[in-house]
Every structure is written in C-alpha cells, then in structure tokens.
Amino acid sequence: MPIYEYELCEGECKACGGQFTLNRPLSAKPLTNCPACKKPVRKIISGFTTPHKLKPLSIVDAKKAGFTVLKRVSKGEYERQ
C-alpha cells in the first residue's frame, strides 16, 4: 500500500499538527478532510530515494539467483554457459 502525505489547506490543528501520513490502497477514494479534525486537506508530493549506484550482476551472481545465463554463438543462436 502506498503512503500518502497530506496537509491542511488552511489553519492549524493540535490533533494532526497540520500534516500527516496515511497508508491507503490505490482503489481508495481521494481524502478530502482530515480524519482527526475534519478540516479540508490536500495531498502533497513527497520525496523518495533511489539507489545511487547499482553493481552489475556477474554470471555467478545471476546463476545463484536462479537465472539461466546464455551466451550468443551467432545471429539468433545462443547456448547455455
């Protein structure tokens, strides 16, 4: 389930602090009011991280992971390594 971040459109709230996060299924209707204070809210765009550098898989690593490793012999022909 994705995590969504929301903030109040106007004012402040002691219950939610003006911002909160919720786990909601993709099929859920858009949230329009805070569940705690019932004031109008808007969804905010949150940051995310991605791996900076990925190590390429070696043939040994690929075989250990259960992949079949093929070597190109000629055009359209491959054989197992």
C-alpha atoms as a PDB file:
ATOM      1  CA  MET A   1       0.000   0.000   0.000  1.00  0.00           C
ATOM      2  CA  PRO A   2       1.379   3.430  -0.880  1.00  0.00           C
ATOM      3  CA  ILE A   3       1.992   6.074   1.769  1.00  0.00           C
ATOM      4  CA  TYR A   4       0.317   9.422   1.129  1.00  0.00           C
ATOM      5  CA  GLU A   5       1.193  12.716   2.816  1.00  0.00           C
ATOM      6  CA  TYR A   6      -1.445  15.360   3.465  1.00  0.00           C
ATOM      7  CA  GLU A   7      -1.526  18.904   4.832  1.00  0.00           C
ATOM      8  CA  LEU A   8      -4.325  21.170   5.934  1.00  0.00           C
ATOM      9  CA  CYS A   9      -5.493  23.678   3.341  1.00  0.00           C
ATOM     10  CA  GLU A  10      -5.976  26.372   5.994  1.00  0.00           C
ATOM     11  CA  GLY A  11      -5.372  26.802   9.691  1.00  0.00           C
ATOM     12  CA  GLU A  12      -3.747  24.557  12.242  1.00  0.00           C
ATOM     13  CA  CYS A  13      -4.792  21.541  14.268  1.00  0.00           C
ATOM     14  CA  LYS A  14      -3.468  20.192  17.561  1.00  0.00           C
ATOM     15  CA  ALA A  15      -4.664  16.665  16.720  1.00  0.00           C
ATOM     16  CA  CYS A  16      -2.888  16.229  13.351  1.00  0.00           C
ATOM     17  CA  GLY A  17      -0.273  19.003  13.607  1.00  0.00           C
ATOM     18  CA  GLY A  18      -1.214  20.338  10.158  1.00  0.00           C
ATOM     19  CA  GLN A  19       0.464  17.411   8.317  1.00  0.00           C
ATOM     20  CA  PHE A  20       0.009  13.657   8.480  1.00  0.00           C
ATOM     21  CA  THR A  21       0.706  10.479   6.519  1.00  0.00           C
ATOM     22  CA  LEU A  22      -1.630   7.579   5.768  1.00  0.00           C
ATOM     23  CA  ASN A  23      -1.289   4.139   4.187  1.00  0.00           C
ATOM     24  CA  ARG A  24      -4.127   3.944   1.666  1.00  0.00           C
ATOM     25  CA  PRO A  25      -4.888   1.463  -1.112  1.00  0.00           C
ATOM     26  CA  LEU A  26      -4.797   2.736  -4.692  1.00  0.00           C
ATOM     27  CA  SER A  27      -8.501   1.961  -5.026  1.00  0.00           C
ATOM     28  CA  ALA A  28      -9.470   4.280  -2.123  1.00  0.00           C
ATOM     29  CA  LYS A  29     -11.372   7.487  -2.859  1.00  0.00           C
ATOM     30  CA  PRO A  30      -9.314  10.689  -2.545  1.00  0.00           C
ATOM     31  CA  LEU A  31      -9.154  12.032   1.002  1.00  0.00           C
ATOM     32  CA  THR A  32     -10.711  15.496   1.271  1.00  0.00           C
ATOM     33  CA  ASN A  33     -10.918  16.017   5.055  1.00  0.00           C
ATOM     34  CA  CYS A  34      -8.599  15.250   7.961  1.00  0.00           C
ATOM     35  CA  PRO A  35      -9.778  12.163   9.866  1.00  0.00           C
ATOM     36  CA  ALA A  36      -8.947  13.861  13.208  1.00  0.00           C
ATOM     37  CA  CYS A  37     -10.170  17.461  12.854  1.00  0.00           C
ATOM     38  CA  LYS A  38     -12.397  17.206   9.720  1.00  0.00           C
ATOM     39  CA  LYS A  39     -10.758  20.280   8.121  1.00  0.00           C
ATOM     40  CA  PRO A  40     -10.088  20.274   4.323  1.00  0.00           C
ATOM     41  CA  VAL A  41      -6.757  18.728   3.287  1.00  0.00           C
ATOM     42  CA  ARG A  42      -4.674  18.429   0.129  1.00  0.00           C
ATOM     43  CA  LYS A  43      -2.242  15.708  -0.882  1.00  0.00           C
ATOM     44  CA  ILE A  44       1.378  16.835  -1.030  1.00  0.00           C
ATOM     45  CA  ILE A  45       4.148  15.401  -3.174  1.00  0.00           C
ATOM     46  CA  SER A  46       6.713  13.640  -1.032  1.00  0.00           C
ATOM     47  CA  GLY A  47      10.329  12.873  -1.753  1.00  0.00           C
ATOM     48  CA  PHE A  48      11.726   9.417  -2.399  1.00  0.00           C
ATOM     49  CA  THR A  49      15.134   7.839  -2.659  1.00  0.00           C
ATOM     50  CA  THR A  50      16.631   5.552  -5.249  1.00  0.00           C
ATOM     51  CA  PRO A  51      19.851   3.548  -5.193  1.00  0.00           C
ATOM     52  CA  HIS A  52      22.734   5.747  -6.330  1.00  0.00           C
ATOM     53  CA  LYS A  53      24.884   3.068  -7.862  1.00  0.00           C
ATOM     54  CA  LEU A  54      23.910  -0.466  -8.789  1.00  0.00           C
ATOM     55  CA  LYS A  55      26.527  -3.157  -9.165  1.00  0.00           C
ATOM     56  CA  PRO A  56      26.092  -5.088 -12.427  1.00  0.00           C
ATOM     57  CA  LEU A  57      25.259  -8.762 -11.936  1.00  0.00           C
ATOM     58  CA  SER A  58      28.054 -11.188 -12.639  1.00  0.00           C
ATOM     59  CA  ILE A  59      27.389 -14.527 -14.314  1.00  0.00           C
ATOM     60  CA  VAL A  60      27.951 -16.320 -10.999  1.00  0.00           C
ATOM     61  CA  ASP A  61      25.500 -13.990  -9.198  1.00  0.00           C
ATOM     62  CA  ALA A  62      22.884 -14.487 -11.914  1.00  0.00           C
ATOM     63  CA  LYS A  63      23.209 -18.283 -11.704  1.00  0.00           C
ATOM     64  CA  LYS A  64      22.943 -18.172  -7.886  1.00  0.00           C
ATOM     65  CA  ALA A  65      19.750 -16.113  -8.251  1.00  0.00           C
ATOM     66  CA  GLY A  66      18.242 -18.826 -10.446  1.00  0.00           C
ATOM     67  CA  PHE A  67      18.603 -17.204 -13.864  1.00  0.00           C
ATOM     68  CA  THR A  68      19.635 -19.131 -16.977  1.00  0.00           C
ATOM     69  CA  VAL A  69      22.709 -17.489 -18.451  1.00  0.00           C
ATOM     70  CA  LEU A  70      23.057 -17.669 -22.232  1.00  0.00           C
ATOM     71  CA  LYS A  71      25.997 -16.815 -24.487  1.00  0.00           C
ATOM     72  CA  ARG A  72      25.456 -15.640 -28.063  1.00  0.00           C
ATOM     73  CA  VAL A  73      27.039 -18.082 -30.531  1.00  0.00           C
ATOM     74  CA  SER A  74      25.864 -16.487 -33.778  1.00  0.00           C
ATOM     75  CA  LYS A  75      22.941 -14.424 -35.021  1.00  0.00           C
ATOM     76  CA  GLY A  76      19.836 -15.893 -33.404  1.00  0.00           C
ATOM     77  CA  GLU A  77      21.702 -18.771 -31.719  1.00  0.00           C
ATOM     78  CA  TYR A  78      22.523 -18.979 -28.026  1.00  0.00           C
ATOM     79  CA  GLU A  79      23.936 -21.655 -25.754  1.00  0.00           C
ATOM     80  CA  ARG A  80      23.957 -22.090 -22.002  1.00  0.00           C
ATOM     81  CA  GLN A  81      27.027 -21.064 -20.072  1.00  0.00           C
END
